[in-house]
Amino acid sequence: MDEITELAAELGRRLQLLNAHVTTAESCTGGGIAEAITRIPGSSAWFEAGYVTYSNRQKTQQLNVPGGLFETVGAVSREVVEAMARGAQHKSLARFAVAVSGVAGPDGGSPNKPVGTVWLAWVVGEALISEQRFFPGNREEVRRQTVKAALEGLLHHALAEISNQG
């Protein structure tokens, strides 16, 4: 079993302990996080929905991301991934949500947002956490590292919830 599959399986075990569901809102990973989660047998018990919103229009239509954000801060930004995560959580009613938007390459980068720039956001209940990461490598490597970071973040927040309950 590869590292991403192991992370997804562990996430599933923790979410089942919490009787909680997760949803994903993905841009640069193109559904890779949801795919990793649904590799796990029985994931329907804890995976609610996956939103692949590659275009800005779909981020707005499916996840209620305010359209004005794209002109002011761009799709690869804290504000957009936070809105994506909140939108996915609201639409799916899941307790946990993760959102990602980034520049996977090989083109599309800029001096301010070079290839490998990724924003991630996690929502747990009302809590919202986001961070910017820079992943080296080609398109496939950036996407894989983003999926891994998204799952690691979800697992971290699930473990924190379990600790808070115990």
C-alpha atoms as a PDB file:
ATOM      1  CA  MET A   1       0.000   0.000   0.000  1.00  0.00           C
ATOM      2  CA  ASP A   2       1.465   3.380  -0.958  1.00  0.00           C
ATOM      3  CA  GLU A   3       1.795   6.332   1.398  1.00  0.00           C
ATOM      4  CA  ILE A   4      -1.247   8.226   0.079  1.00  0.00           C
ATOM      5  CA  THR A   5      -3.472   5.153   0.333  1.00  0.00           C
ATOM      6  CA  GLU A   6      -2.236   4.561   3.894  1.00  0.00           C
ATOM      7  CA  LEU A   7      -3.047   8.173   4.829  1.00  0.00           C
ATOM      8  CA  ALA A   8      -6.539   7.858   3.344  1.00  0.00           C
ATOM      9  CA  ALA A   9      -7.160   4.566   5.168  1.00  0.00           C
ATOM     10  CA  GLU A  10      -6.016   6.053   8.487  1.00  0.00           C
ATOM     11  CA  LEU A  11      -8.190   9.112   7.891  1.00  0.00           C
ATOM     12  CA  GLY A  12     -11.155   6.828   7.346  1.00  0.00           C
ATOM     13  CA  ARG A  13     -10.526   4.972  10.605  1.00  0.00           C
ATOM     14  CA  ARG A  14     -10.333   8.264  12.526  1.00  0.00           C
ATOM     15  CA  LEU A  15     -13.417   9.767  10.904  1.00  0.00           C
ATOM     16  CA  GLN A  16     -15.393   6.617  11.691  1.00  0.00           C
ATOM     17  CA  LEU A  17     -14.374   6.947  15.344  1.00  0.00           C
ATOM     18  CA  LEU A  18     -15.706  10.498  15.227  1.00  0.00           C
ATOM     19  CA  ASN A  19     -18.803   9.467  13.254  1.00  0.00           C
ATOM     20  CA  ALA A  20     -17.846  12.286  10.877  1.00  0.00           C
ATOM     21  CA  HIS A  21     -17.774  12.837   7.121  1.00  0.00           C
ATOM     22  CA  VAL A  22     -15.323  14.630   4.850  1.00  0.00           C
ATOM     23  CA  THR A  23     -15.713  16.523   1.595  1.00  0.00           C
ATOM     24  CA  THR A  24     -13.125  17.786  -0.884  1.00  0.00           C
ATOM     25  CA  ALA A  25     -12.957  20.895  -3.083  1.00  0.00           C
ATOM     26  CA  GLU A  26     -10.191  20.502  -5.634  1.00  0.00           C
ATOM     27  CA  SER A  27      -8.702  22.534  -8.415  1.00  0.00           C
ATOM     28  CA  CYS A  28      -5.058  21.695  -9.207  1.00  0.00           C
ATOM     29  CA  THR A  29      -5.403  18.064  -8.077  1.00  0.00           C
ATOM     30  CA  GLY A  30      -8.339  17.406 -10.401  1.00  0.00           C
ATOM     31  CA  GLY A  31     -10.089  15.038  -7.996  1.00  0.00           C
ATOM     32  CA  GLY A  32      -6.943  13.267  -6.789  1.00  0.00           C
ATOM     33  CA  ILE A  33      -7.826  13.697  -3.108  1.00  0.00           C
ATOM     34  CA  ALA A  34     -11.305  12.235  -3.608  1.00  0.00           C
ATOM     35  CA  GLU A  35      -9.815   9.420  -5.693  1.00  0.00           C
ATOM     36  CA  ALA A  36      -7.359   8.543  -2.912  1.00  0.00           C
ATOM     37  CA  ILE A  37     -10.169   8.518  -0.354  1.00  0.00           C
ATOM     38  CA  THR A  38     -12.459   6.352  -2.456  1.00  0.00           C
ATOM     39  CA  ARG A  39      -9.703   3.759  -2.982  1.00  0.00           C
ATOM     40  CA  ILE A  40     -10.499   2.703   0.578  1.00  0.00           C
ATOM     41  CA  PRO A  41     -13.173   0.006   0.871  1.00  0.00           C
ATOM     42  CA  GLY A  42     -16.085   1.302   2.917  1.00  0.00           C
ATOM     43  CA  SER A  43     -15.241   4.969   2.309  1.00  0.00           C
ATOM     44  CA  SER A  44     -18.909   5.641   1.612  1.00  0.00           C
ATOM     45  CA  ALA A  45     -19.351   5.544   5.407  1.00  0.00           C
ATOM     46  CA  TRP A  46     -17.242   8.694   5.832  1.00  0.00           C
ATOM     47  CA  PHE A  47     -16.764  10.402   2.442  1.00  0.00           C
ATOM     48  CA  GLU A  48     -19.602  12.745   1.558  1.00  0.00           C
ATOM     49  CA  ALA A  49     -18.734  14.469  -1.750  1.00  0.00           C
ATOM     50  CA  GLY A  50     -15.930  15.689  -3.960  1.00  0.00           C
ATOM     51  CA  TYR A  51     -16.059  18.905  -5.949  1.00  0.00           C
ATOM     52  CA  VAL A  52     -13.627  19.324  -8.833  1.00  0.00           C
ATOM     53  CA  THR A  53     -13.883  23.005  -9.691  1.00  0.00           C
ATOM     54  CA  TYR A  54     -11.111  23.655 -12.145  1.00  0.00           C
ATOM     55  CA  SER A  55     -12.509  26.852 -13.655  1.00  0.00           C
ATOM     56  CA  ASN A  56     -13.218  30.000 -11.693  1.00  0.00           C
ATOM     57  CA  ARG A  57     -16.806  29.888 -12.972  1.00  0.00           C
ATOM     58  CA  GLN A  58     -17.308  26.456 -11.375  1.00  0.00           C
ATOM     59  CA  LYS A  59     -15.707  27.595  -8.124  1.00  0.00           C
ATOM     60  CA  THR A  60     -18.402  30.276  -8.027  1.00  0.00           C
ATOM     61  CA  GLN A  61     -21.298  28.134  -9.287  1.00  0.00           C
ATOM     62  CA  GLN A  62     -20.624  24.989  -7.264  1.00  0.00           C
ATOM     63  CA  LEU A  63     -18.970  26.374  -4.128  1.00  0.00           C
ATOM     64  CA  ASN A  64     -20.231  29.953  -3.895  1.00  0.00           C
ATOM     65  CA  VAL A  65     -16.746  31.484  -4.138  1.00  0.00           C
ATOM     66  CA  PRO A  66     -17.322  35.236  -4.633  1.00  0.00           C
ATOM     67  CA  GLY A  67     -16.476  36.053  -8.252  1.00  0.00           C
ATOM     68  CA  GLY A  68     -14.705  39.270  -7.323  1.00  0.00           C
ATOM     69  CA  LEU A  69     -11.969  37.365  -5.513  1.00  0.00           C
ATOM     70  CA  PHE A  70     -10.476  36.107  -8.764  1.00  0.00           C
ATOM     71  CA  GLU A  71      -9.761  39.632  -9.973  1.00  0.00           C
ATOM     72  CA  THR A  72      -8.457  40.892  -6.635  1.00  0.00           C
ATOM     73  CA  VAL A  73      -6.400  37.980  -5.250  1.00  0.00           C
ATOM     74  CA  GLY A  74      -6.474  35.277  -7.943  1.00  0.00           C
ATOM     75  CA  ALA A  75      -7.618  31.661  -7.868  1.00  0.00           C
ATOM     76  CA  VAL A  76      -4.437  30.524  -6.100  1.00  0.00           C
ATOM     77  CA  SER A  77      -4.968  32.407  -2.845  1.00  0.00           C
ATOM     78  CA  ARG A  78      -5.895  32.019   0.797  1.00  0.00           C
ATOM     79  CA  GLU A  79      -9.226  33.738   0.251  1.00  0.00           C
ATOM     80  CA  VAL A  80     -10.282  31.450  -2.591  1.00  0.00           C
ATOM     81  CA  VAL A  81      -9.325  28.151  -0.937  1.00  0.00           C
ATOM     82  CA  GLU A  82     -10.987  29.222   2.300  1.00  0.00           C
ATOM     83  CA  ALA A  83     -14.175  30.050   0.378  1.00  0.00           C
ATOM     84  CA  MET A  84     -13.899  26.731  -1.497  1.00  0.00           C
ATOM     85  CA  ALA A  85     -13.570  24.780   1.763  1.00  0.00           C
ATOM     86  CA  ARG A  86     -16.494  26.589   3.389  1.00  0.00           C
ATOM     87  CA  GLY A  87     -18.588  26.165   0.256  1.00  0.00           C
ATOM     88  CA  ALA A  88     -17.913  22.430   0.034  1.00  0.00           C
ATOM     89  CA  GLN A  89     -18.684  21.983   3.718  1.00  0.00           C
ATOM     90  CA  HIS A  90     -21.913  23.965   3.402  1.00  0.00           C
ATOM     91  CA  LYS A  91     -23.093  22.109   0.272  1.00  0.00           C
ATOM     92  CA  SER A  92     -22.217  18.627   1.551  1.00  0.00           C
ATOM     93  CA  LEU A  93     -22.983  19.083   5.269  1.00  0.00           C
ATOM     94  CA  ALA A  94     -19.733  17.252   6.095  1.00  0.00           C
ATOM     95  CA  ARG A  95     -17.947  18.127   9.341  1.00  0.00           C
ATOM     96  CA  PHE A  96     -14.490  18.058   7.684  1.00  0.00           C
ATOM     97  CA  ALA A  97     -13.548  19.724   4.408  1.00  0.00           C
ATOM     98  CA  VAL A  98     -10.341  20.318   2.494  1.00  0.00           C
ATOM     99  CA  ALA A  99      -9.759  22.623  -0.473  1.00  0.00           C
ATOM    100  CA  VAL A 100      -6.749  23.072  -2.738  1.00  0.00           C
ATOM    101  CA  SER A 101      -5.794  25.479  -5.500  1.00  0.00           C
ATOM    102  CA  GLY A 102      -2.355  25.790  -7.007  1.00  0.00           C
ATOM    103  CA  VAL A 103      -0.020  26.183  -9.938  1.00  0.00           C
ATOM    104  CA  ALA A 104       0.970  22.635 -10.882  1.00  0.00           C
ATOM    105  CA  GLY A 105       2.835  23.630 -14.043  1.00  0.00           C
ATOM    106  CA  PRO A 106       4.614  23.302 -16.285  1.00  0.00           C
ATOM    107  CA  ASP A 107       3.321  26.781 -17.122  1.00  0.00           C
ATOM    108  CA  GLY A 108       0.913  29.202 -15.480  1.00  0.00           C
ATOM    109  CA  GLY A 109       3.377  30.443 -12.881  1.00  0.00           C
ATOM    110  CA  SER A 110       4.268  34.068 -12.230  1.00  0.00           C
ATOM    111  CA  PRO A 111       6.904  35.842 -10.150  1.00  0.00           C
ATOM    112  CA  ASN A 112       4.397  36.109  -7.276  1.00  0.00           C
ATOM    113  CA  LYS A 113       3.013  32.578  -7.722  1.00  0.00           C
ATOM    114  CA  PRO A 114       5.653  30.339  -9.274  1.00  0.00           C
ATOM    115  CA  VAL A 115       4.968  26.776 -10.380  1.00  0.00           C
ATOM    116  CA  GLY A 116       4.633  24.669  -7.232  1.00  0.00           C
ATOM    117  CA  THR A 117       2.673  27.310  -5.280  1.00  0.00           C
ATOM    118  CA  VAL A 118      -0.342  25.707  -3.612  1.00  0.00           C
ATOM    119  CA  TRP A 119      -2.884  27.001  -1.111  1.00  0.00           C
ATOM    120  CA  LEU A 120      -4.667  24.476   1.110  1.00  0.00           C
ATOM    121  CA  ALA A 121      -7.543  25.042   3.530  1.00  0.00           C
ATOM    122  CA  TRP A 122      -9.154  22.728   6.040  1.00  0.00           C
ATOM    123  CA  VAL A 123     -12.465  23.229   7.813  1.00  0.00           C
ATOM    124  CA  VAL A 124     -13.434  21.274  10.906  1.00  0.00           C
ATOM    125  CA  GLY A 125     -16.834  22.340  12.162  1.00  0.00           C
ATOM    126  CA  GLU A 126     -16.464  26.110  12.472  1.00  0.00           C
ATOM    127  CA  ALA A 127     -12.646  26.152  12.576  1.00  0.00           C
ATOM    128  CA  LEU A 128     -10.827  27.193   9.396  1.00  0.00           C
ATOM    129  CA  ILE A 129      -7.098  26.687   8.841  1.00  0.00           C
ATOM    130  CA  SER A 130      -5.190  27.553   5.670  1.00  0.00           C
ATOM    131  CA  GLU A 131      -1.593  27.544   4.519  1.00  0.00           C
ATOM    132  CA  GLN A 132       0.521  28.194   1.481  1.00  0.00           C
ATOM    133  CA  ARG A 133       3.009  25.564   0.400  1.00  0.00           C
ATOM    134  CA  PHE A 134       5.676  25.363  -2.300  1.00  0.00           C
ATOM    135  CA  PHE A 135       6.184  21.925  -3.824  1.00  0.00           C
ATOM    136  CA  PRO A 136       9.160  21.173  -6.075  1.00  0.00           C
ATOM    137  CA  GLY A 137       9.021  19.027  -9.150  1.00  0.00           C
ATOM    138  CA  ASN A 138       7.012  18.518 -12.300  1.00  0.00           C
ATOM    139  CA  ARG A 139       3.215  18.682 -12.634  1.00  0.00           C
ATOM    140  CA  GLU A 140       2.657  15.109 -11.439  1.00  0.00           C
ATOM    141  CA  GLU A 141       4.964  15.602  -8.428  1.00  0.00           C
ATOM    142  CA  VAL A 142       3.295  18.889  -7.419  1.00  0.00           C
ATOM    143  CA  ARG A 143      -0.142  17.288  -7.632  1.00  0.00           C
ATOM    144  CA  ARG A 144       0.936  14.198  -5.673  1.00  0.00           C
ATOM    145  CA  GLN A 145       2.534  16.302  -2.929  1.00  0.00           C
ATOM    146  CA  THR A 146      -0.646  18.399  -2.749  1.00  0.00           C
ATOM    147  CA  VAL A 147      -2.840  15.302  -2.324  1.00  0.00           C
ATOM    148  CA  LYS A 148      -0.504  14.023   0.387  1.00  0.00           C
ATOM    149  CA  ALA A 149      -0.473  17.370   2.236  1.00  0.00           C
ATOM    150  CA  ALA A 150      -4.264  17.621   2.042  1.00  0.00           C
ATOM    151  CA  LEU A 151      -4.710  14.139   3.537  1.00  0.00           C
ATOM    152  CA  GLU A 152      -2.038  14.763   6.202  1.00  0.00           C
ATOM    153  CA  GLY A 153      -3.874  17.934   7.228  1.00  0.00           C
ATOM    154  CA  LEU A 154      -7.209  16.148   7.430  1.00  0.00           C
ATOM    155  CA  LEU A 155      -5.667  13.359   9.489  1.00  0.00           C
ATOM    156  CA  HIS A 156      -3.984  15.878  11.812  1.00  0.00           C
ATOM    157  CA  HIS A 157      -7.296  17.661  12.409  1.00  0.00           C
ATOM    158  CA  ALA A 158      -9.170  14.381  12.925  1.00  0.00           C
ATOM    159  CA  LEU A 159      -6.595  13.286  15.516  1.00  0.00           C
ATOM    160  CA  ALA A 160      -6.943  16.648  17.260  1.00  0.00           C
ATOM    161  CA  GLU A 161     -10.714  16.196  17.394  1.00  0.00           C
ATOM    162  CA  ILE A 162     -10.279  12.728  18.902  1.00  0.00           C
ATOM    163  CA  SER A 163      -7.884  14.151  21.521  1.00  0.00           C
ATOM    164  CA  ASN A 164     -10.360  16.920  22.348  1.00  0.00           C
ATOM    165  CA  GLN A 165     -13.112  14.371  22.880  1.00  0.00           C
ATOM    166  CA  GLY A 166     -10.959  12.087  25.001  1.00  0.00           C
END
